[in-house]
N, C-alpha and C. Protein backbone atom coordinates (compact mmCIF):
# COMPACT_ATOMS: atom_id res chain seq x y z
N MET A 1 -175.28 -53.95 -185.16
CA MET A 1 -175.06 -53.53 -186.53
C MET A 1 -173.75 -54.16 -187.02
N THR A 2 -173.80 -54.74 -188.21
CA THR A 2 -172.61 -55.38 -188.76
C THR A 2 -171.63 -54.34 -189.29
N GLN A 3 -170.43 -54.79 -189.59
CA GLN A 3 -169.40 -53.91 -190.14
C GLN A 3 -169.86 -53.30 -191.47
N PHE A 4 -170.47 -54.11 -192.32
CA PHE A 4 -170.92 -53.60 -193.61
C PHE A 4 -172.12 -52.67 -193.47
N GLU A 5 -173.02 -52.97 -192.53
CA GLU A 5 -174.14 -52.05 -192.28
C GLU A 5 -173.62 -50.70 -191.81
N GLN A 6 -172.65 -50.71 -190.90
CA GLN A 6 -172.07 -49.46 -190.41
C GLN A 6 -171.39 -48.69 -191.53
N CYS A 7 -170.68 -49.38 -192.38
CA CYS A 7 -170.01 -48.75 -193.51
C CYS A 7 -171.04 -48.07 -194.42
N LEU A 8 -172.12 -48.78 -194.73
CA LEU A 8 -173.16 -48.21 -195.60
C LEU A 8 -173.85 -47.02 -194.94
N VAL A 9 -174.12 -47.12 -193.67
CA VAL A 9 -174.73 -46.00 -192.94
C VAL A 9 -173.82 -44.78 -193.00
N ASP A 10 -172.53 -44.99 -192.78
CA ASP A 10 -171.57 -43.88 -192.83
C ASP A 10 -171.56 -43.23 -194.21
N ILE A 11 -171.52 -44.04 -195.26
CA ILE A 11 -171.49 -43.50 -196.62
C ILE A 11 -172.78 -42.75 -196.91
N LEU A 12 -173.92 -43.35 -196.57
CA LEU A 12 -175.20 -42.69 -196.84
C LEU A 12 -175.33 -41.38 -196.07
N ALA A 13 -174.86 -41.36 -194.85
CA ALA A 13 -174.92 -40.12 -194.06
C ALA A 13 -174.14 -39.01 -194.76
N GLU A 14 -172.98 -39.35 -195.27
CA GLU A 14 -172.17 -38.36 -195.98
C GLU A 14 -172.83 -37.91 -197.27
N LEU A 15 -173.40 -38.84 -198.01
CA LEU A 15 -173.96 -38.51 -199.33
C LEU A 15 -175.29 -37.78 -199.26
N THR A 16 -176.07 -38.05 -198.21
CA THR A 16 -177.41 -37.46 -198.12
C THR A 16 -177.51 -36.37 -197.06
N ASP A 17 -176.41 -36.08 -196.38
CA ASP A 17 -176.40 -35.11 -195.29
C ASP A 17 -177.39 -35.46 -194.18
N ALA A 18 -177.63 -36.74 -194.00
CA ALA A 18 -178.53 -37.21 -192.94
C ALA A 18 -177.70 -37.57 -191.70
N GLU A 19 -178.33 -37.50 -190.55
CA GLU A 19 -177.70 -37.97 -189.32
C GLU A 19 -177.64 -39.49 -189.38
N ARG A 20 -176.54 -40.05 -188.94
CA ARG A 20 -176.38 -41.51 -188.96
C ARG A 20 -177.53 -42.21 -188.23
N SER A 21 -177.98 -41.61 -187.15
CA SER A 21 -179.03 -42.24 -186.34
C SER A 21 -180.38 -42.28 -187.05
N THR A 22 -180.54 -41.50 -188.11
CA THR A 22 -181.82 -41.48 -188.82
C THR A 22 -181.85 -42.43 -190.01
N ILE A 23 -180.73 -43.03 -190.34
CA ILE A 23 -180.69 -43.92 -191.49
C ILE A 23 -181.18 -45.30 -191.07
N SER A 24 -182.20 -45.75 -191.76
CA SER A 24 -182.83 -47.03 -191.46
C SER A 24 -182.09 -48.18 -192.14
N LEU A 25 -182.01 -49.29 -191.45
CA LEU A 25 -181.42 -50.49 -192.04
C LEU A 25 -182.40 -51.20 -192.96
N THR A 26 -183.70 -50.93 -192.78
CA THR A 26 -184.71 -51.68 -193.51
C THR A 26 -185.49 -50.87 -194.55
N ASP A 27 -185.50 -49.54 -194.44
CA ASP A 27 -186.16 -48.74 -195.48
C ASP A 27 -185.37 -48.88 -196.78
N THR A 28 -186.06 -48.70 -197.91
CA THR A 28 -185.36 -48.78 -199.18
C THR A 28 -184.44 -47.58 -199.33
N LEU A 29 -183.43 -47.76 -200.14
CA LEU A 29 -182.50 -46.66 -200.40
C LEU A 29 -183.24 -45.48 -201.00
N ASP A 30 -184.21 -45.76 -201.85
CA ASP A 30 -185.03 -44.70 -202.46
C ASP A 30 -185.74 -43.89 -201.38
N GLN A 31 -186.28 -44.56 -200.38
CA GLN A 31 -186.96 -43.87 -199.28
C GLN A 31 -186.00 -43.00 -198.48
N GLN A 32 -184.72 -43.29 -198.58
CA GLN A 32 -183.72 -42.55 -197.82
C GLN A 32 -183.01 -41.49 -198.67
N GLY A 33 -183.59 -41.18 -199.82
CA GLY A 33 -183.08 -40.09 -200.62
C GLY A 33 -182.00 -40.45 -201.62
N VAL A 34 -181.88 -41.73 -201.92
CA VAL A 34 -180.86 -42.15 -202.89
C VAL A 34 -181.46 -42.10 -204.30
N ASP A 35 -181.01 -41.11 -205.08
CA ASP A 35 -181.41 -41.02 -206.47
C ASP A 35 -180.28 -41.60 -207.33
N SER A 36 -180.37 -41.47 -208.64
CA SER A 36 -179.39 -42.10 -209.52
C SER A 36 -177.98 -41.55 -209.29
N LEU A 37 -177.85 -40.25 -209.06
CA LEU A 37 -176.53 -39.67 -208.83
C LEU A 37 -175.95 -40.16 -207.50
N VAL A 38 -176.77 -40.18 -206.48
CA VAL A 38 -176.30 -40.67 -205.18
C VAL A 38 -175.96 -42.16 -205.27
N ALA A 39 -176.72 -42.91 -206.06
CA ALA A 39 -176.44 -44.35 -206.23
C ALA A 39 -175.05 -44.55 -206.83
N LEU A 40 -174.71 -43.76 -207.82
CA LEU A 40 -173.37 -43.85 -208.41
C LEU A 40 -172.30 -43.55 -207.37
N ARG A 41 -172.53 -42.53 -206.59
CA ARG A 41 -171.57 -42.15 -205.55
C ARG A 41 -171.52 -43.20 -204.44
N LEU A 42 -172.65 -43.83 -204.14
CA LEU A 42 -172.69 -44.90 -203.15
C LEU A 42 -171.85 -46.09 -203.61
N ALA A 43 -172.03 -46.49 -204.86
CA ALA A 43 -171.25 -47.61 -205.39
C ALA A 43 -169.76 -47.30 -205.33
N ARG A 44 -169.40 -46.08 -205.65
CA ARG A 44 -167.99 -45.67 -205.60
C ARG A 44 -167.48 -45.66 -204.15
N GLY A 45 -168.32 -45.15 -203.24
CA GLY A 45 -167.94 -45.14 -201.83
C GLY A 45 -167.73 -46.53 -201.27
N ILE A 46 -168.59 -47.46 -201.68
CA ILE A 46 -168.44 -48.85 -201.25
C ILE A 46 -167.10 -49.40 -201.72
N HIS A 47 -166.79 -49.15 -202.97
CA HIS A 47 -165.52 -49.63 -203.52
C HIS A 47 -164.33 -48.99 -202.80
N ASP A 48 -164.40 -47.69 -202.59
CA ASP A 48 -163.30 -46.98 -201.94
C ASP A 48 -163.05 -47.49 -200.52
N ARG A 49 -164.10 -47.81 -199.80
CA ARG A 49 -163.95 -48.20 -198.38
C ARG A 49 -163.74 -49.70 -198.17
N THR A 50 -164.25 -50.51 -199.09
CA THR A 50 -164.18 -51.95 -198.87
C THR A 50 -163.35 -52.68 -199.91
N GLY A 51 -163.11 -52.03 -201.04
CA GLY A 51 -162.41 -52.72 -202.13
C GLY A 51 -163.34 -53.60 -202.96
N ILE A 52 -164.61 -53.62 -202.59
CA ILE A 52 -165.59 -54.44 -203.30
C ILE A 52 -166.27 -53.58 -204.35
N GLU A 53 -166.20 -54.05 -205.59
CA GLU A 53 -166.85 -53.33 -206.68
C GLU A 53 -168.22 -53.97 -206.93
N ILE A 54 -169.26 -53.13 -206.89
CA ILE A 54 -170.60 -53.65 -207.14
C ILE A 54 -171.19 -52.98 -208.36
N GLU A 55 -172.06 -53.70 -209.01
CA GLU A 55 -172.81 -53.16 -210.14
C GLU A 55 -173.94 -52.29 -209.58
N LEU A 56 -174.35 -51.28 -210.32
CA LEU A 56 -175.47 -50.45 -209.88
C LEU A 56 -176.74 -51.28 -209.71
N GLU A 57 -176.87 -52.34 -210.49
CA GLU A 57 -178.03 -53.24 -210.38
C GLU A 57 -178.19 -53.77 -208.95
N ALA A 58 -177.08 -53.95 -208.26
CA ALA A 58 -177.13 -54.49 -206.90
C ALA A 58 -177.92 -53.58 -205.97
N LEU A 59 -177.90 -52.28 -206.25
CA LEU A 59 -178.64 -51.34 -205.41
C LEU A 59 -180.15 -51.51 -205.59
N PHE A 60 -180.55 -52.07 -206.71
CA PHE A 60 -181.97 -52.36 -206.95
C PHE A 60 -182.31 -53.77 -206.48
N ASP A 61 -181.37 -54.69 -206.65
CA ASP A 61 -181.59 -56.07 -206.21
C ASP A 61 -181.57 -56.21 -204.69
N TYR A 62 -180.81 -55.35 -204.03
CA TYR A 62 -180.67 -55.35 -202.57
C TYR A 62 -180.95 -53.93 -202.09
N PRO A 63 -182.22 -53.52 -202.04
CA PRO A 63 -182.57 -52.11 -201.92
C PRO A 63 -182.54 -51.49 -200.52
N SER A 64 -182.11 -52.22 -199.52
CA SER A 64 -182.01 -51.62 -198.19
C SER A 64 -180.58 -51.77 -197.68
N VAL A 65 -180.24 -51.02 -196.67
CA VAL A 65 -178.91 -51.12 -196.07
C VAL A 65 -178.66 -52.55 -195.61
N ARG A 66 -179.61 -53.14 -194.95
CA ARG A 66 -179.42 -54.50 -194.43
C ARG A 66 -179.19 -55.51 -195.55
N LEU A 67 -180.04 -55.46 -196.59
CA LEU A 67 -179.89 -56.41 -197.70
C LEU A 67 -178.59 -56.18 -198.46
N LEU A 68 -178.25 -54.94 -198.69
CA LEU A 68 -177.02 -54.63 -199.41
C LEU A 68 -175.80 -55.05 -198.58
N ALA A 69 -175.85 -54.85 -197.28
CA ALA A 69 -174.75 -55.28 -196.41
C ALA A 69 -174.58 -56.79 -196.44
N GLN A 70 -175.68 -57.52 -196.46
CA GLN A 70 -175.60 -58.98 -196.55
C GLN A 70 -174.98 -59.40 -197.88
N HIS A 71 -175.34 -58.71 -198.96
CA HIS A 71 -174.76 -58.98 -200.27
C HIS A 71 -173.26 -58.70 -200.25
N LEU A 72 -172.86 -57.59 -199.66
CA LEU A 72 -171.44 -57.26 -199.57
C LEU A 72 -170.68 -58.30 -198.76
N GLN A 73 -171.29 -58.78 -197.69
CA GLN A 73 -170.66 -59.82 -196.87
C GLN A 73 -170.44 -61.08 -197.69
N ALA A 74 -171.44 -61.46 -198.49
CA ALA A 74 -171.32 -62.64 -199.34
C ALA A 74 -170.21 -62.45 -200.38
N LEU A 75 -170.16 -61.26 -200.98
CA LEU A 75 -169.10 -61.00 -201.97
C LEU A 75 -167.72 -61.03 -201.32
N ALA A 76 -167.61 -60.49 -200.12
CA ALA A 76 -166.34 -60.50 -199.41
C ALA A 76 -165.90 -61.93 -199.10
N ALA A 77 -166.86 -62.77 -198.72
CA ALA A 77 -166.56 -64.16 -198.42
C ALA A 77 -166.11 -64.91 -199.67
N GLN A 78 -166.77 -64.61 -200.79
CA GLN A 78 -166.39 -65.25 -202.07
C GLN A 78 -164.98 -64.84 -202.46
N THR A 79 -164.68 -63.56 -202.31
CA THR A 79 -163.37 -63.05 -202.66
C THR A 79 -162.30 -63.67 -201.77
N ALA A 80 -162.59 -63.77 -200.50
CA ALA A 80 -161.63 -64.36 -199.56
C ALA A 80 -161.40 -65.84 -199.88
N GLY A 81 -162.45 -66.52 -200.30
CA GLY A 81 -162.34 -67.92 -200.64
C GLY A 81 -161.61 -68.17 -201.94
N ALA A 82 -161.59 -67.17 -202.82
CA ALA A 82 -160.95 -67.30 -204.12
C ALA A 82 -159.45 -67.06 -204.07
N VAL A 83 -158.96 -66.54 -202.94
CA VAL A 83 -157.53 -66.21 -202.83
C VAL A 83 -156.73 -67.42 -202.48
């Protein structure tokens, strides 16, 4: 599990009251109980823990933990390259 996948699993576990071991890397966020309110809180949690600000659209464009983690990794790389 990558650093970003672990971060997302931790945030989702807190927001959905799910056990970390039950959160799938490949199921959609919707399948894991992420509604619009949780999505807002997820985006905020990502920013708080990583410093990366994402648009809510990204949660639909990258709808699983694995895909969203890959997107975050790419954004982190872009940010690091821009410094």
